[in-house]
C-alpha atoms as a PDB file:
ATOM      1  CA  UNK A   1       0.741 -71.577  41.756  1.00  0.00           C
ATOM      2  CA  UNK A   2      -1.379 -74.535  40.811  1.00  0.00           C
ATOM      3  CA  UNK A   3      -4.178 -76.234  42.914  1.00  0.00           C
ATOM      4  CA  UNK A   4      -2.863 -79.631  41.943  1.00  0.00           C
ATOM      5  CA  UNK A   5       0.334 -81.527  41.847  1.00  0.00           C
ATOM      6  CA  UNK A   6       1.293 -84.437  39.724  1.00  0.00           C
ATOM      7  CA  UNK A   7       1.502 -87.963  41.487  1.00  0.00           C
ATOM      8  CA  UNK A   8       4.895 -89.327  40.179  1.00  0.00           C
ATOM      9  CA  UNK A   9       3.615 -92.892  40.378  1.00  0.00           C
ATOM     10  CA  UNK A  10       0.406 -92.606  38.646  1.00  0.00           C
ATOM     11  CA  UNK A  11       0.934 -89.562  36.463  1.00  0.00           C
ATOM     12  CA  UNK A  12      -2.534 -88.261  37.298  1.00  0.00           C
ATOM     13  CA  UNK A  13      -2.920 -84.830  38.978  1.00  0.00           C
ATOM     14  CA  UNK A  14      -4.175 -85.279  42.555  1.00  0.00           C
ATOM     15  CA  UNK A  15      -6.401 -82.606  44.390  1.00  0.00           C
ATOM     16  CA  UNK A  16      -4.826 -80.663  47.215  1.00  0.00           C
ATOM     17  CA  UNK A  17      -6.308 -78.403  49.854  1.00  0.00           C
ATOM     18  CA  UNK A  18      -8.390 -75.697  48.088  1.00  0.00           C
ATOM     19  CA  UNK A  19      -8.990 -72.465  49.795  1.00  0.00           C
ATOM     20  CA  UNK A  20     -12.595 -71.415  50.632  1.00  0.00           C
ATOM     21  CA  UNK A  21     -14.182 -69.569  47.781  1.00  0.00           C
ATOM     22  CA  UNK A  22     -16.441 -66.656  47.975  1.00  0.00           C
ATOM     23  CA  UNK A  23     -19.888 -66.242  49.445  1.00  0.00           C
ATOM     24  CA  UNK A  24     -22.717 -68.540  48.077  1.00  0.00           C
ATOM     25  CA  UNK A  25     -25.590 -67.391  50.088  1.00  0.00           C
ATOM     26  CA  UNK A  26     -26.337 -64.790  52.711  1.00  0.00           C
ATOM     27  CA  UNK A  27     -29.539 -64.297  54.718  1.00  0.00           C
ATOM     28  CA  UNK A  28     -31.127 -63.063  57.944  1.00  0.00           C
ATOM     29  CA  UNK A  29     -33.756 -64.513  60.192  1.00  0.00           C
ATOM     30  CA  UNK A  30     -37.044 -63.269  58.825  1.00  0.00           C
ATOM     31  CA  UNK A  31     -39.201 -60.969  60.947  1.00  0.00           C
ATOM     32  CA  UNK A  32     -42.098 -63.419  60.284  1.00  0.00           C
ATOM     33  CA  UNK A  33     -40.557 -65.365  63.097  1.00  0.00           C
ATOM     34  CA  UNK A  34     -41.732 -62.708  65.511  1.00  0.00           C
ATOM     35  CA  UNK A  35     -45.301 -62.281  64.184  1.00  0.00           C
ATOM     36  CA  UNK A  36     -46.863 -63.610  67.420  1.00  0.00           C
ATOM     37  CA  UNK A  37     -44.753 -61.409  69.487  1.00  0.00           C
ATOM     38  CA  UNK A  38     -45.656 -58.383  67.375  1.00  0.00           C
ATOM     39  CA  UNK A  39     -49.349 -59.166  67.532  1.00  0.00           C
ATOM     40  CA  UNK A  40     -49.340 -59.218  71.350  1.00  0.00           C
ATOM     41  CA  UNK A  41     -47.219 -56.109  71.684  1.00  0.00           C
ATOM     42  CA  UNK A  42     -49.876 -54.463  69.447  1.00  0.00           C
ATOM     43  CA  UNK A  43     -52.506 -55.595  71.660  1.00  0.00           C
ATOM     44  CA  UNK A  44     -50.782 -53.992  74.586  1.00  0.00           C
ATOM     45  CA  UNK A  45     -49.261 -51.142  72.933  1.00  0.00           C
ATOM     46  CA  UNK A  46     -50.662 -48.751  75.533  1.00  0.00           C
ATOM     47  CA  UNK A  47     -48.010 -50.121  77.844  1.00  0.00           C
ATOM     48  CA  UNK A  48     -44.388 -49.095  77.403  1.00  0.00           C
ATOM     49  CA  UNK A  49     -42.818 -52.474  78.073  1.00  0.00           C
ATOM     50  CA  UNK A  50     -44.372 -54.310  75.112  1.00  0.00           C
ATOM     51  CA  UNK A  51     -43.232 -51.521  72.558  1.00  0.00           C
ATOM     52  CA  UNK A  52     -39.695 -51.779  73.901  1.00  0.00           C
ATOM     53  CA  UNK A  53     -39.762 -55.546  73.664  1.00  0.00           C
ATOM     54  CA  UNK A  54     -40.872 -55.438  70.169  1.00  0.00           C
ATOM     55  CA  UNK A  55     -38.211 -53.161  69.146  1.00  0.00           C
ATOM     56  CA  UNK A  56     -35.638 -55.367  70.943  1.00  0.00           C
ATOM     57  CA  UNK A  57     -36.971 -58.487  69.005  1.00  0.00           C
ATOM     58  CA  UNK A  58     -36.868 -56.677  65.840  1.00  0.00           C
ATOM     59  CA  UNK A  59     -33.246 -55.497  66.353  1.00  0.00           C
ATOM     60  CA  UNK A  60     -32.268 -58.986  67.494  1.00  0.00           C
ATOM     61  CA  UNK A  61     -33.726 -60.581  64.422  1.00  0.00           C
ATOM     62  CA  UNK A  62     -32.032 -58.023  62.036  1.00  0.00           C
ATOM     63  CA  UNK A  63     -28.625 -58.866  63.824  1.00  0.00           C
ATOM     64  CA  UNK A  64     -29.201 -62.568  63.373  1.00  0.00           C
ATOM     65  CA  UNK A  65     -27.304 -63.359  60.006  1.00  0.00           C
ATOM     66  CA  UNK A  66     -26.231 -66.561  58.274  1.00  0.00           C
ATOM     67  CA  UNK A  67     -23.393 -66.837  55.520  1.00  0.00           C
ATOM     68  CA  UNK A  68     -22.648 -69.927  53.395  1.00  0.00           C
ATOM     69  CA  UNK A  69     -19.477 -70.631  51.660  1.00  0.00           C
ATOM     70  CA  UNK A  70     -18.511 -73.680  49.804  1.00  0.00           C
ATOM     71  CA  UNK A  71     -16.824 -75.160  53.105  1.00  0.00           C
ATOM     72  CA  UNK A  72     -18.680 -73.495  55.980  1.00  0.00           C
ATOM     73  CA  UNK A  73     -21.890 -72.220  57.489  1.00  0.00           C
ATOM     74  CA  UNK A  74     -21.403 -69.066  59.514  1.00  0.00           C
ATOM     75  CA  UNK A  75     -24.132 -67.980  62.011  1.00  0.00           C
ATOM     76  CA  UNK A  76     -23.629 -64.705  63.834  1.00  0.00           C
ATOM     77  CA  UNK A  77     -26.128 -63.209  66.497  1.00  0.00           C
ATOM     78  CA  UNK A  78     -26.140 -60.706  69.108  1.00  0.00           C
ATOM     79  CA  UNK A  79     -26.855 -56.967  69.292  1.00  0.00           C
ATOM     80  CA  UNK A  80     -24.137 -55.541  71.540  1.00  0.00           C
ATOM     81  CA  UNK A  81     -21.993 -58.743  72.087  1.00  0.00           C
ATOM     82  CA  UNK A  82     -21.561 -60.596  68.765  1.00  0.00           C
ATOM     83  CA  UNK A  83     -21.315 -64.524  68.735  1.00  0.00           C
ATOM     84  CA  UNK A  84     -20.327 -66.402  65.533  1.00  0.00           C
ATOM     85  CA  UNK A  85     -20.523 -70.127  65.265  1.00  0.00           C
ATOM     86  CA  UNK A  86     -19.063 -71.833  62.204  1.00  0.00           C
ATOM     87  CA  UNK A  87     -20.085 -75.232  60.933  1.00  0.00           C
ATOM     88  CA  UNK A  88     -17.906 -77.324  58.651  1.00  0.00           C
ATOM     89  CA  UNK A  89     -20.250 -78.558  55.902  1.00  0.00           C
ATOM     90  CA  UNK A  90     -18.737 -82.113  55.724  1.00  0.00           C
ATOM     91  CA  UNK A  91     -20.221 -82.602  59.287  1.00  0.00           C
ATOM     92  CA  UNK A  92     -23.731 -82.188  58.195  1.00  0.00           C
ATOM     93  CA  UNK A  93     -25.550 -85.538  58.532  1.00  0.00           C
ATOM     94  CA  UNK A  94     -29.133 -84.572  57.395  1.00  0.00           C
ATOM     95  CA  UNK A  95     -31.064 -81.435  56.042  1.00  0.00           C
ATOM     96  CA  UNK A  96     -34.840 -80.890  56.571  1.00  0.00           C
ATOM     97  CA  UNK A  97     -37.242 -78.156  56.026  1.00  0.00           C
ATOM     98  CA  UNK A  98     -40.063 -76.992  58.323  1.00  0.00           C
ATOM     99  CA  UNK A  99     -42.572 -74.452  57.107  1.00  0.00           C
ATOM    100  CA  UNK A 100     -45.299 -73.475  59.620  1.00  0.00           C
ATOM    101  CA  UNK A 101     -48.577 -72.214  57.910  1.00  0.00           C
ATOM    102  CA  UNK A 102     -47.901 -68.428  58.230  1.00  0.00           C
ATOM    103  CA  UNK A 103     -44.208 -68.804  56.999  1.00  0.00           C
ATOM    104  CA  UNK A 104     -45.291 -71.047  53.996  1.00  0.00           C
ATOM    105  CA  UNK A 105     -47.844 -68.625  52.875  1.00  0.00           C
ATOM    106  CA  UNK A 106     -45.114 -65.979  52.820  1.00  0.00           C
ATOM    107  CA  UNK A 107     -42.319 -68.127  51.134  1.00  0.00           C
ATOM    108  CA  UNK A 108     -40.318 -68.623  54.358  1.00  0.00           C
ATOM    109  CA  UNK A 109     -39.392 -71.607  56.399  1.00  0.00           C
ATOM    110  CA  UNK A 110     -36.702 -73.168  58.640  1.00  0.00           C
ATOM    111  CA  UNK A 111     -33.966 -75.334  57.408  1.00  0.00           C
ATOM    112  CA  UNK A 112     -32.879 -77.836  60.129  1.00  0.00           C
ATOM    113  CA  UNK A 113     -29.374 -79.353  59.995  1.00  0.00           C
ATOM    114  CA  UNK A 114     -28.515 -82.550  61.999  1.00  0.00           C
ATOM    115  CA  UNK A 115     -24.529 -82.531  62.257  1.00  0.00           C
ATOM    116  CA  UNK A 116     -21.876 -84.602  63.888  1.00  0.00           C
ATOM    117  CA  UNK A 117     -20.509 -81.440  65.438  1.00  0.00           C
ATOM    118  CA  UNK A 118     -20.276 -81.680  69.333  1.00  0.00           C
ATOM    119  CA  UNK A 119     -20.797 -78.087  70.001  1.00  0.00           C
ATOM    120  CA  UNK A 120     -23.773 -77.628  67.682  1.00  0.00           C
ATOM    121  CA  UNK A 121     -25.482 -80.914  66.990  1.00  0.00           C
ATOM    122  CA  UNK A 122     -28.689 -79.068  65.526  1.00  0.00           C
ATOM    123  CA  UNK A 123     -28.500 -75.973  63.586  1.00  0.00           C
ATOM    124  CA  UNK A 124     -31.652 -74.111  62.746  1.00  0.00           C
ATOM    125  CA  UNK A 125     -31.765 -71.544  59.929  1.00  0.00           C
ATOM    126  CA  UNK A 126     -34.917 -69.866  61.207  1.00  0.00           C
ATOM    127  CA  UNK A 127     -37.669 -68.119  59.000  1.00  0.00           C
ATOM    128  CA  UNK A 128     -35.388 -67.782  55.952  1.00  0.00           C
ATOM    129  CA  UNK A 129     -36.736 -66.911  52.502  1.00  0.00           C
ATOM    130  CA  UNK A 130     -36.989 -69.745  49.884  1.00  0.00           C
ATOM    131  CA  UNK A 131     -35.914 -72.450  52.218  1.00  0.00           C
ATOM    132  CA  UNK A 132     -35.917 -75.143  49.545  1.00  0.00           C
ATOM    133  CA  UNK A 133     -33.450 -73.480  47.332  1.00  0.00           C
ATOM    134  CA  UNK A 134     -31.315 -72.812  50.391  1.00  0.00           C
ATOM    135  CA  UNK A 135     -31.613 -76.532  51.270  1.00  0.00           C
ATOM    136  CA  UNK A 136     -30.559 -77.597  47.618  1.00  0.00           C
ATOM    137  CA  UNK A 137     -27.616 -75.298  47.741  1.00  0.00           C
ATOM    138  CA  UNK A 138     -26.469 -76.656  51.262  1.00  0.00           C
ATOM    139  CA  UNK A 139     -26.862 -80.234  49.983  1.00  0.00           C
ATOM    140  CA  UNK A 140     -24.902 -79.588  46.959  1.00  0.00           C
ATOM    141  CA  UNK A 141     -22.159 -77.938  48.977  1.00  0.00           C
ATOM    142  CA  UNK A 142     -22.138 -80.662  51.690  1.00  0.00           C
ATOM    143  CA  UNK A 143     -21.631 -83.399  48.940  1.00  0.00           C
ATOM    144  CA  UNK A 144     -18.888 -81.468  47.229  1.00  0.00           C
ATOM    145  CA  UNK A 145     -17.060 -80.940  50.582  1.00  0.00           C
ATOM    146  CA  UNK A 146     -17.318 -84.474  51.625  1.00  0.00           C
ATOM    147  CA  UNK A 147     -15.996 -85.662  48.203  1.00  0.00           C
ATOM    148  CA  UNK A 148     -13.109 -83.118  48.468  1.00  0.00           C
ATOM    149  CA  UNK A 149     -12.111 -84.135  51.929  1.00  0.00           C
ATOM    150  CA  UNK A 150     -12.847 -87.890  51.435  1.00  0.00           C
ATOM    151  CA  UNK A 151     -15.236 -88.063  54.260  1.00  0.00           C
ATOM    152  CA  UNK A 152     -17.655 -90.774  54.628  1.00  0.00           C
ATOM    153  CA  UNK A 153     -20.606 -91.110  56.938  1.00  0.00           C
ATOM    154  CA  UNK A 154     -20.379 -93.998  59.575  1.00  0.00           C
ATOM    155  CA  UNK A 155     -23.132 -94.374  62.128  1.00  0.00           C
END
């Protein structure tokens, strides 16, 4: 079956709904986000509670994942109970990058998305590697998605 149909009036093929293609990018929240917590836990490692808390933070960070397709950004988090949020890319209004000193030195950073989605007006991809490349990929996908759906931004 074709992804296009012929318009009988203009003779030009018109785009129709295109199914979501494969995965474009996947990543996890970097452990660098927990550097301060790990440092404090190291100082008080003679206590049992900080060691347990450090292990909890490590596991929580490993279980926080991001997946980007050409139409959606999916964010999953949770150790025992998994929560998954999906953001339609045509809803993204603005993309910015924040890189604190330690993360910048290690090639990590945060990509912040301002959206028109009511449930998640701000989405933060925290401590991801190569945030500039991820932001470029996101920006390209957002533009392609808006063109495909015919969405215009009105403030």
